[in-house]
Amino acid sequence: MDPQVDRGEKLAKNPWLASGTLAGIALVGHALPAITAIAPLRRRFFRQLSGLSDSPAIALTFDDGPDIRSTPLFLDCLDRLGWKATFFMLGSMAAKDPGLTREVQLRGHEVALHGYHHKNLLWRSPKATKDDMHRSHETLSEITGRSPRFYRPPYGVLNTQALITAKTLALTPVLWTAWGQDWTAKATPETVMGNLSNGLAPGATLLLHDSDCTSASDAYHSALGALDLINDRLSKIAVSIERLCDHFQS
């Protein structure tokens, strides 16, 4: 018997086989964008998603805030260094402290969207993904009076619905070129600096965290302490720091 005919008869007799196949295809389609979380692949094939541009400066970004315990410390340090950065905020954190959210913007920094709750999109349904992004977009827009331009999913993991929703909300997804891995209990300013070293070049985007709400307790100290180390390195090569909106000028 023709194998294709035999398979057709089996599907006809057992529709669960067909539905299982369709479910598998749907799952693959939902999760396929998650492959961009693989940094070498992303840097090679998805330049903008990797935070790479033709800018002579480096974009500095922070995730997971705003946090009243730590974000003001980062703002003061950035003021002292004369740097402006982009803060990918969680809507749930912004809603807790709208005043601090506005202060980030008033001090010249850019507010971007990181979702409402910090959950891996690989395990979230399309509806949950869409609802989370819309809720965060509405929260940040209402607090700041300005729609965010950039979006970064939690853990840097995208799904298909996130890309669809980002387009609907006029959001540009951007991950990073190098990260400090500053979220662990063992992280120090020196280890953070070491992890960022290969990304300290013009056109790159760096990822740090201004909150430890999803990290080891007090882990933010490693990122905060690394800022002066980054400044020392960049001063030697005459490279400046900028926001993503300046990094990717329209």
Protein backbone atom coordinates (compact mmCIF):
# COMPACT_ATOMS: atom_id res chain seq x y z
CA MET A 1 0.00 0.00 0.00
CA ASP A 2 1.09 3.54 -0.71
CA PRO A 3 2.54 4.95 2.58
CA GLN A 4 0.72 8.24 1.99
CA VAL A 5 -2.63 6.49 1.52
CA ASP A 6 -1.99 4.38 4.61
CA ARG A 7 -1.25 7.52 6.64
CA GLY A 8 -4.41 9.17 5.32
CA GLU A 9 -6.52 6.21 6.38
CA LYS A 10 -4.98 6.28 9.85
CA LEU A 11 -5.74 9.99 10.22
CA ALA A 12 -9.28 9.45 9.04
CA LYS A 13 -9.81 6.67 11.58
CA ASN A 14 -8.13 8.60 14.39
CA PRO A 15 -8.65 12.38 14.17
CA TRP A 16 -6.55 12.79 17.34
CA LEU A 17 -3.48 12.00 15.24
CA ALA A 18 -4.36 14.89 12.95
CA SER A 19 -5.07 17.28 15.79
CA GLY A 20 -1.85 16.25 17.49
CA THR A 21 0.09 16.96 14.32
CA LEU A 22 -1.55 20.38 13.96
CA ALA A 23 -0.87 21.15 17.61
CA GLY A 24 2.78 20.26 17.09
CA ILE A 25 3.02 22.53 14.05
CA ALA A 26 1.34 25.35 15.98
CA LEU A 27 3.74 24.89 18.88
CA VAL A 28 6.77 25.07 16.61
CA GLY A 29 5.39 28.18 14.95
CA HIS A 30 4.76 29.78 18.35
CA ALA A 31 8.25 29.05 19.65
CA LEU A 32 10.35 29.47 16.51
CA PRO A 33 11.42 33.10 17.21
CA ALA A 34 12.98 31.88 20.47
CA ILE A 35 16.00 30.70 18.48
CA THR A 36 17.11 34.34 18.40
CA ALA A 37 17.98 33.95 22.09
CA ILE A 38 21.09 32.11 20.84
CA ALA A 39 23.57 34.98 20.82
CA PRO A 40 26.00 33.87 18.06
CA LEU A 41 23.12 33.13 15.69
CA ARG A 42 21.42 36.41 16.56
CA ARG A 43 24.53 38.49 16.02
CA ARG A 44 25.16 36.89 12.63
CA PHE A 45 21.66 36.97 11.16
CA PHE A 46 19.69 39.55 13.18
CA ARG A 47 21.90 42.61 13.50
CA GLN A 48 19.36 45.11 14.84
CA LEU A 49 17.81 42.57 17.21
CA SER A 50 21.33 42.12 18.62
CA GLY A 51 21.48 45.84 19.33
CA LEU A 52 24.10 46.47 16.66
CA SER A 53 24.07 49.72 14.72
CA ASP A 54 26.44 51.97 12.79
CA SER A 55 26.62 54.41 15.69
CA PRO A 56 30.08 55.43 16.97
CA ALA A 57 28.71 55.07 20.53
CA ILE A 58 27.49 52.21 22.74
CA ALA A 59 23.87 51.89 23.87
CA LEU A 60 23.49 51.20 27.60
CA THR A 61 20.30 49.46 28.72
CA PHE A 62 18.87 48.31 32.04
CA ASP A 63 16.15 45.71 32.69
CA ASP A 64 13.59 44.88 35.39
CA GLY A 65 13.08 48.24 37.14
CA PRO A 66 12.12 50.71 38.25
CA ASP A 67 12.99 49.73 41.82
CA ILE A 68 12.94 52.24 44.66
CA ARG A 69 15.78 50.35 46.39
CA SER A 70 18.22 50.58 43.53
CA THR A 71 17.13 52.62 40.51
CA PRO A 72 17.80 56.01 42.20
CA LEU A 73 21.39 54.85 42.81
CA PHE A 74 21.80 54.12 39.12
CA LEU A 75 20.27 57.47 38.18
CA ASP A 76 22.71 59.32 40.42
CA CYS A 77 25.67 57.39 39.02
CA LEU A 78 24.57 58.02 35.44
CA ASP A 79 24.24 61.73 36.21
CA ARG A 80 27.76 61.78 37.61
CA LEU A 81 29.13 60.02 34.53
CA GLY A 82 27.12 62.22 32.17
CA TRP A 83 25.43 59.19 30.57
CA LYS A 84 21.90 58.69 29.27
CA ALA A 85 20.54 55.15 29.04
CA THR A 86 17.44 53.14 28.13
CA PHE A 87 15.45 51.46 30.92
CA PHE A 88 13.38 48.42 29.90
CA MET A 89 10.73 48.55 32.59
CA LEU A 90 8.32 45.94 33.88
CA GLY A 91 4.81 47.32 33.92
CA SER A 92 4.21 45.78 37.35
CA MET A 93 7.21 47.65 38.78
CA ALA A 94 6.29 50.92 37.09
CA ALA A 95 2.76 50.69 38.49
CA LYS A 96 4.19 50.31 42.01
CA ASP A 97 6.14 53.56 41.71
CA PRO A 98 4.88 55.83 38.92
CA GLY A 99 6.79 58.75 40.41
CA LEU A 100 10.11 56.97 40.01
CA THR A 101 9.10 55.90 36.51
CA ARG A 102 8.54 59.52 35.56
CA GLU A 103 11.79 60.56 37.22
CA VAL A 104 13.76 58.20 34.99
CA GLN A 105 12.29 59.98 31.98
CA LEU A 106 12.63 63.47 33.44
CA ARG A 107 16.33 62.88 33.99
CA GLY A 108 16.79 62.34 30.28
CA HIS A 109 16.65 58.57 30.05
CA GLU A 110 14.48 56.49 27.75
CA VAL A 111 11.64 54.29 29.02
CA ALA A 112 11.16 51.03 27.08
CA LEU A 113 8.90 48.01 27.48
CA HIS A 114 9.93 44.74 29.14
CA GLY A 115 6.45 43.29 29.62
CA TYR A 116 4.16 43.51 32.63
CA HIS A 117 5.26 40.35 34.44
CA HIS A 118 8.71 38.78 34.11
CA LYS A 119 7.73 35.43 32.62
CA ASN A 120 9.41 33.44 29.85
CA LEU A 121 7.33 33.84 26.68
CA LEU A 122 8.28 30.35 25.53
CA TRP A 123 5.81 29.05 28.12
CA ARG A 124 3.12 31.70 27.63
CA SER A 125 0.16 31.32 25.31
CA PRO A 126 -0.40 33.77 22.46
CA LYS A 127 -3.28 35.39 24.37
CA ALA A 128 -1.26 35.71 27.58
CA THR A 129 1.64 37.22 25.61
CA LYS A 130 -0.58 39.73 23.87
CA ASP A 131 -2.44 40.72 27.05
CA ASP A 132 0.81 41.16 28.99
CA MET A 133 2.37 43.39 26.34
CA HIS A 134 -0.74 45.52 25.92
CA ARG A 135 -1.10 45.95 29.67
CA SER A 136 2.53 47.03 30.04
CA HIS A 137 2.31 49.36 27.04
CA GLU A 138 -0.80 51.02 28.44
CA THR A 139 0.77 51.36 31.92
CA LEU A 140 4.01 52.93 30.72
CA SER A 141 2.24 55.21 28.23
CA GLU A 142 -0.17 56.51 30.87
CA ILE A 143 2.57 57.14 33.43
CA THR A 144 5.09 58.81 31.11
CA GLY A 145 2.71 60.40 28.59
CA ARG A 146 4.72 58.80 25.81
CA SER A 147 4.47 55.47 24.01
CA PRO A 148 7.61 53.35 24.36
CA ARG A 149 9.51 52.67 21.15
CA PHE A 150 11.54 49.58 22.06
CA TYR A 151 10.62 46.17 23.45
CA ARG A 152 12.72 43.46 25.08
CA PRO A 153 11.04 40.24 26.25
CA PRO A 154 11.93 38.70 29.62
CA TYR A 155 15.01 36.48 29.36
CA GLY A 156 15.44 37.69 25.79
CA VAL A 157 13.06 34.98 24.55
CA LEU A 158 10.57 35.91 21.83
CA ASN A 159 7.57 34.04 20.50
CA THR A 160 5.54 34.65 17.35
CA GLN A 161 2.75 36.48 19.16
CA ALA A 162 5.26 38.86 20.74
CA LEU A 163 6.49 39.84 17.28
CA ILE A 164 2.94 40.32 16.02
CA THR A 165 1.97 42.41 19.04
CA ALA A 166 5.17 44.45 18.84
CA LYS A 167 4.30 45.38 15.27
CA THR A 168 0.74 46.29 16.28
CA LEU A 169 2.04 48.55 19.06
CA ALA A 170 4.79 50.05 16.86
CA LEU A 171 7.48 48.54 19.09
CA THR A 172 10.94 47.59 17.85
CA PRO A 173 12.32 44.44 19.53
CA VAL A 174 15.94 44.81 20.66
CA LEU A 175 17.89 42.31 22.74
CA TRP A 176 21.61 42.98 23.32
CA THR A 177 25.14 42.57 22.03
CA ALA A 178 26.73 41.78 25.40
CA TRP A 179 25.35 41.26 28.89
CA GLY A 180 26.98 41.57 32.27
CA GLN A 181 25.37 38.46 33.81
CA ASP A 182 24.89 40.61 36.89
CA TRP A 183 21.92 38.74 38.32
CA THR A 184 23.71 36.01 40.28
CA ALA A 185 24.74 36.05 43.93
CA LYS A 186 28.39 35.57 42.89
CA ALA A 187 28.47 38.49 40.43
CA THR A 188 30.91 41.32 41.19
CA PRO A 189 31.73 44.54 39.35
CA GLU A 190 34.81 42.78 38.00
CA THR A 191 32.93 39.74 36.67
CA VAL A 192 30.33 42.01 35.10
CA MET A 193 33.06 44.01 33.42
CA GLY A 194 34.69 40.82 32.18
CA ASN A 195 31.43 39.59 30.67
CA LEU A 196 30.93 42.89 28.86
CA SER A 197 34.49 43.23 27.57
CA ASN A 198 33.86 41.78 24.11
CA GLY A 199 30.91 44.13 23.63
CA LEU A 200 32.67 47.37 24.47
CA ALA A 201 32.91 48.52 20.88
CA PRO A 202 31.13 51.20 18.83
CA GLY A 203 27.66 50.18 17.72
CA ALA A 204 27.06 47.63 20.49
CA THR A 205 24.25 47.43 23.05
CA LEU A 206 24.97 46.45 26.65
CA LEU A 207 22.53 44.84 29.08
CA LEU A 208 22.60 45.36 32.85
CA HIS A 209 19.90 45.33 35.54
CA ASP A 210 18.88 48.23 37.76
CA SER A 211 16.77 45.95 39.97
CA ASP A 212 17.17 42.54 41.58
CA CYS A 213 13.43 41.88 41.71
CA THR A 214 13.97 38.81 39.50
CA SER A 215 17.59 38.15 40.54
CA ALA A 216 19.63 37.18 43.58
CA SER A 217 19.13 39.56 46.49
CA ASP A 218 21.36 42.66 46.23
CA ALA A 219 22.77 41.47 42.89
CA TYR A 220 22.27 44.98 41.51
CA HIS A 221 25.39 46.11 43.39
CA SER A 222 27.54 44.28 40.84
CA ALA A 223 26.07 46.26 37.94
CA LEU A 224 26.19 49.52 39.83
CA GLY A 225 29.85 49.03 40.68
CA ALA A 226 30.66 48.06 37.10
CA LEU A 227 29.60 51.44 35.70
CA ASP A 228 32.81 53.17 36.78
CA LEU A 229 34.86 50.29 35.38
CA ILE A 230 33.05 50.63 32.05
CA ASN A 231 33.68 54.36 32.09
CA ASP A 232 37.40 53.82 32.69
CA ARG A 233 37.62 51.44 29.74
CA LEU A 234 35.60 53.63 27.38
CA SER A 235 37.59 56.72 28.31
CA LYS A 236 40.70 55.01 26.97
CA ILE A 237 39.15 54.31 23.58
CA ALA A 238 37.11 57.52 23.34
CA VAL A 239 33.73 55.81 22.99
CA SER A 240 30.60 57.35 24.52
CA ILE A 241 27.33 55.99 25.92
CA GLU A 242 23.88 56.69 24.48
CA ARG A 243 20.19 55.68 24.57
CA LEU A 244 18.70 53.23 22.10
CA CYS A 245 16.64 56.01 20.49
CA ASP A 246 19.95 57.70 19.62
CA HIS A 247 21.59 54.39 18.72
CA PHE A 248 18.87 53.67 16.14
CA GLN A 249 17.97 57.09 14.84
CA SER A 250 15.02 57.14 12.48
